[in-house]
Amino acid sequence: MTFVDFLETVLPILLYIAGITLLVVLIIIGIKFIKTLNRVDSIVEDVDNKVKALNGFFQIIDVATDKLSFLTDKFTDSISSFVIKLFKGKYNKKKEEKHEKEEE
C-alpha cells in the first residue's frame, strides 16, 4: 500500500469526522441561542408589562406639565404686556413732548 492509497482512505474519514463534529457543535450552539432568545423574550415582555403599568402615571405627569407650562406662559405674557404698556406710555409722552417742541 502506497502513501497515496493510505491518504485516499484516511482523509475522507477524517473529513467526515470533522464535518460531523462541526454539525454537532453548530446544533448545540443553535439550541443555546434559542434558549437565550426565549429568556430575552420573557424579559422584554416583563419590561413591557411594567411600562404599561406606569403609562397612566406618565400621562398624569404629561397633563400636569402641559397645564403648568400654559399657566407660566400666560403669567409671562401678562407681565411682559404690562411692562411694554408701562414703557410705551412713557415713550409716547416723550415723543409728544419732542413733537411739540419741534412745532414751536
C-alpha atoms as a PDB file:
ATOM      1  CA  MET A   1       0.000   0.000   0.000  1.00  0.00           C
ATOM      2  CA  THR A   2       1.394   3.348  -1.004  1.00  0.00           C
ATOM      3  CA  PHE A   3       1.149   6.618   0.814  1.00  0.00           C
ATOM      4  CA  VAL A   4      -1.354   7.996  -1.736  1.00  0.00           C
ATOM      5  CA  ASP A   5      -3.639   4.971  -1.249  1.00  0.00           C
ATOM      6  CA  PHE A   6      -3.407   5.471   2.507  1.00  0.00           C
ATOM      7  CA  LEU A   7      -4.393   9.162   2.165  1.00  0.00           C
ATOM      8  CA  GLU A   8      -7.276   8.260  -0.172  1.00  0.00           C
ATOM      9  CA  THR A   9      -8.803   6.102   2.556  1.00  0.00           C
ATOM     10  CA  VAL A  10      -7.911   8.096   5.670  1.00  0.00           C
ATOM     11  CA  LEU A  11      -8.604  11.701   4.505  1.00  0.00           C
ATOM     12  CA  PRO A  12     -12.310  11.145   3.680  1.00  0.00           C
ATOM     13  CA  ILE A  13     -12.772   9.509   7.091  1.00  0.00           C
ATOM     14  CA  LEU A  14     -11.080  12.473   8.811  1.00  0.00           C
ATOM     15  CA  LEU A  15     -13.193  14.932   6.807  1.00  0.00           C
ATOM     16  CA  TYR A  16     -16.387  13.054   7.723  1.00  0.00           C
ATOM     17  CA  ILE A  17     -15.436  13.098  11.409  1.00  0.00           C
ATOM     18  CA  ALA A  18     -14.643  16.843  11.235  1.00  0.00           C
ATOM     19  CA  GLY A  19     -17.959  17.524   9.451  1.00  0.00           C
ATOM     20  CA  ILE A  20     -19.967  15.526  11.990  1.00  0.00           C
ATOM     21  CA  THR A  21     -18.201  17.305  14.864  1.00  0.00           C
ATOM     22  CA  LEU A  22     -18.874  20.682  13.305  1.00  0.00           C
ATOM     23  CA  LEU A  23     -22.533  19.789  12.754  1.00  0.00           C
ATOM     24  CA  VAL A  24     -22.942  18.700  16.390  1.00  0.00           C
ATOM     25  CA  VAL A  25     -21.260  21.874  17.662  1.00  0.00           C
ATOM     26  CA  LEU A  26     -23.493  24.044  15.470  1.00  0.00           C
ATOM     27  CA  ILE A  27     -26.605  22.220  16.698  1.00  0.00           C
ATOM     28  CA  ILE A  28     -25.560  22.789  20.332  1.00  0.00           C
ATOM     29  CA  ILE A  29     -24.873  26.476  19.661  1.00  0.00           C
ATOM     30  CA  GLY A  30     -28.243  26.799  17.914  1.00  0.00           C
ATOM     31  CA  ILE A  31     -30.077  25.259  20.880  1.00  0.00           C
ATOM     32  CA  LYS A  32     -28.289  27.597  23.330  1.00  0.00           C
ATOM     33  CA  PHE A  33     -29.127  30.537  21.077  1.00  0.00           C
ATOM     34  CA  ILE A  34     -32.822  29.580  21.072  1.00  0.00           C
ATOM     35  CA  LYS A  35     -32.818  29.299  24.881  1.00  0.00           C
ATOM     36  CA  THR A  36     -31.173  32.711  25.153  1.00  0.00           C
ATOM     37  CA  LEU A  37     -33.752  34.238  22.822  1.00  0.00           C
ATOM     38  CA  ASN A  38     -36.562  32.766  24.928  1.00  0.00           C
ATOM     39  CA  ARG A  39     -35.063  34.364  28.055  1.00  0.00           C
ATOM     40  CA  VAL A  40     -34.691  37.694  26.292  1.00  0.00           C
ATOM     41  CA  ASP A  41     -38.278  37.478  25.076  1.00  0.00           C
ATOM     42  CA  SER A  42     -39.560  36.886  28.606  1.00  0.00           C
ATOM     43  CA  ILE A  43     -37.516  39.828  29.912  1.00  0.00           C
ATOM     44  CA  VAL A  44     -38.865  42.084  27.158  1.00  0.00           C
ATOM     45  CA  GLU A  45     -42.440  41.035  27.975  1.00  0.00           C
ATOM     46  CA  ASP A  46     -41.841  41.755  31.665  1.00  0.00           C
ATOM     47  CA  VAL A  47     -40.442  45.208  30.908  1.00  0.00           C
ATOM     48  CA  ASP A  48     -43.335  45.886  28.529  1.00  0.00           C
ATOM     49  CA  ASN A  49     -45.881  44.995  31.222  1.00  0.00           C
ATOM     50  CA  LYS A  50     -44.144  47.262  33.734  1.00  0.00           C
ATOM     51  CA  VAL A  51     -44.065  50.138  31.255  1.00  0.00           C
ATOM     52  CA  LYS A  52     -47.768  49.690  30.549  1.00  0.00           C
ATOM     53  CA  ALA A  53     -48.441  49.799  34.284  1.00  0.00           C
ATOM     54  CA  LEU A  54     -46.591  53.134  34.526  1.00  0.00           C
ATOM     55  CA  ASN A  55     -48.228  54.563  31.401  1.00  0.00           C
ATOM     56  CA  GLY A  56     -51.073  56.175  33.376  1.00  0.00           C
ATOM     57  CA  PHE A  57     -48.603  57.818  35.733  1.00  0.00           C
ATOM     58  CA  PHE A  58     -46.675  59.258  32.794  1.00  0.00           C
ATOM     59  CA  GLN A  59     -49.902  60.590  31.267  1.00  0.00           C
ATOM     60  CA  ILE A  60     -50.754  62.366  34.525  1.00  0.00           C
ATOM     61  CA  ILE A  61     -47.286  63.938  34.588  1.00  0.00           C
ATOM     62  CA  ASP A  62     -47.657  64.970  30.949  1.00  0.00           C
ATOM     63  CA  VAL A  63     -51.011  66.675  31.563  1.00  0.00           C
ATOM     64  CA  ALA A  64     -49.660  68.421  34.678  1.00  0.00           C
ATOM     65  CA  THR A  65     -46.603  69.749  32.845  1.00  0.00           C
ATOM     66  CA  ASP A  66     -48.762  70.947  29.952  1.00  0.00           C
ATOM     67  CA  LYS A  67     -51.040  72.887  32.322  1.00  0.00           C
ATOM     68  CA  LEU A  68     -48.103  74.281  34.253  1.00  0.00           C
ATOM     69  CA  SER A  69     -46.483  75.392  31.015  1.00  0.00           C
ATOM     70  CA  PHE A  70     -49.746  77.051  29.916  1.00  0.00           C
ATOM     71  CA  LEU A  71     -50.023  78.926  33.224  1.00  0.00           C
ATOM     72  CA  THR A  72     -46.419  80.118  33.159  1.00  0.00           C
ATOM     73  CA  ASP A  73     -46.839  81.258  29.544  1.00  0.00           C
ATOM     74  CA  LYS A  74     -49.937  83.277  30.480  1.00  0.00           C
ATOM     75  CA  PHE A  75     -48.191  84.758  33.504  1.00  0.00           C
ATOM     76  CA  THR A  76     -45.149  85.702  31.425  1.00  0.00           C
ATOM     77  CA  ASP A  77     -47.316  87.212  28.698  1.00  0.00           C
ATOM     78  CA  SER A  78     -49.283  89.329  31.171  1.00  0.00           C
ATOM     79  CA  ILE A  79     -46.115  90.595  32.886  1.00  0.00           C
ATOM     80  CA  SER A  80     -44.431  91.390  29.575  1.00  0.00           C
ATOM     81  CA  SER A  81     -47.529  93.182  28.228  1.00  0.00           C
ATOM     82  CA  PHE A  82     -47.736  95.226  31.458  1.00  0.00           C
ATOM     83  CA  VAL A  83     -44.090  96.218  31.171  1.00  0.00           C
ATOM     84  CA  ILE A  84     -44.498  97.087  27.493  1.00  0.00           C
ATOM     85  CA  LYS A  85     -47.560  99.236  28.240  1.00  0.00           C
ATOM     86  CA  LEU A  86     -45.724 100.937  31.095  1.00  0.00           C
ATOM     87  CA  PHE A  87     -42.725 101.884  28.952  1.00  0.00           C
ATOM     88  CA  LYS A  88     -44.800 102.566  25.857  1.00  0.00           C
ATOM     89  CA  GLY A  89     -46.788 105.208  27.736  1.00  0.00           C
ATOM     90  CA  LYS A  90     -43.576 106.952  28.815  1.00  0.00           C
ATOM     91  CA  TYR A  91     -42.188 106.670  25.293  1.00  0.00           C
ATOM     92  CA  ASN A  92     -45.349 108.194  23.775  1.00  0.00           C
ATOM     93  CA  LYS A  93     -45.238 111.093  26.265  1.00  0.00           C
ATOM     94  CA  LYS A  94     -41.615 111.801  25.371  1.00  0.00           C
ATOM     95  CA  LYS A  95     -42.446 111.581  21.693  1.00  0.00           C
ATOM     96  CA  GLU A  96     -45.351 114.032  22.064  1.00  0.00           C
ATOM     97  CA  GLU A  97     -43.151 116.463  24.013  1.00  0.00           C
ATOM     98  CA  LYS A  98     -40.472 116.259  21.360  1.00  0.00           C
ATOM     99  CA  HIS A  99     -43.060 116.787  18.636  1.00  0.00           C
ATOM    100  CA  GLU A 100     -44.495 119.832  20.472  1.00  0.00           C
ATOM    101  CA  LYS A 101     -41.015 121.351  20.819  1.00  0.00           C
ATOM    102  CA  GLU A 102     -40.400 120.906  17.098  1.00  0.00           C
ATOM    103  CA  GLU A 103     -43.690 122.650  16.247  1.00  0.00           C
ATOM    104  CA  GLU A 104     -42.778 125.695  18.309  1.00  0.00           C
END
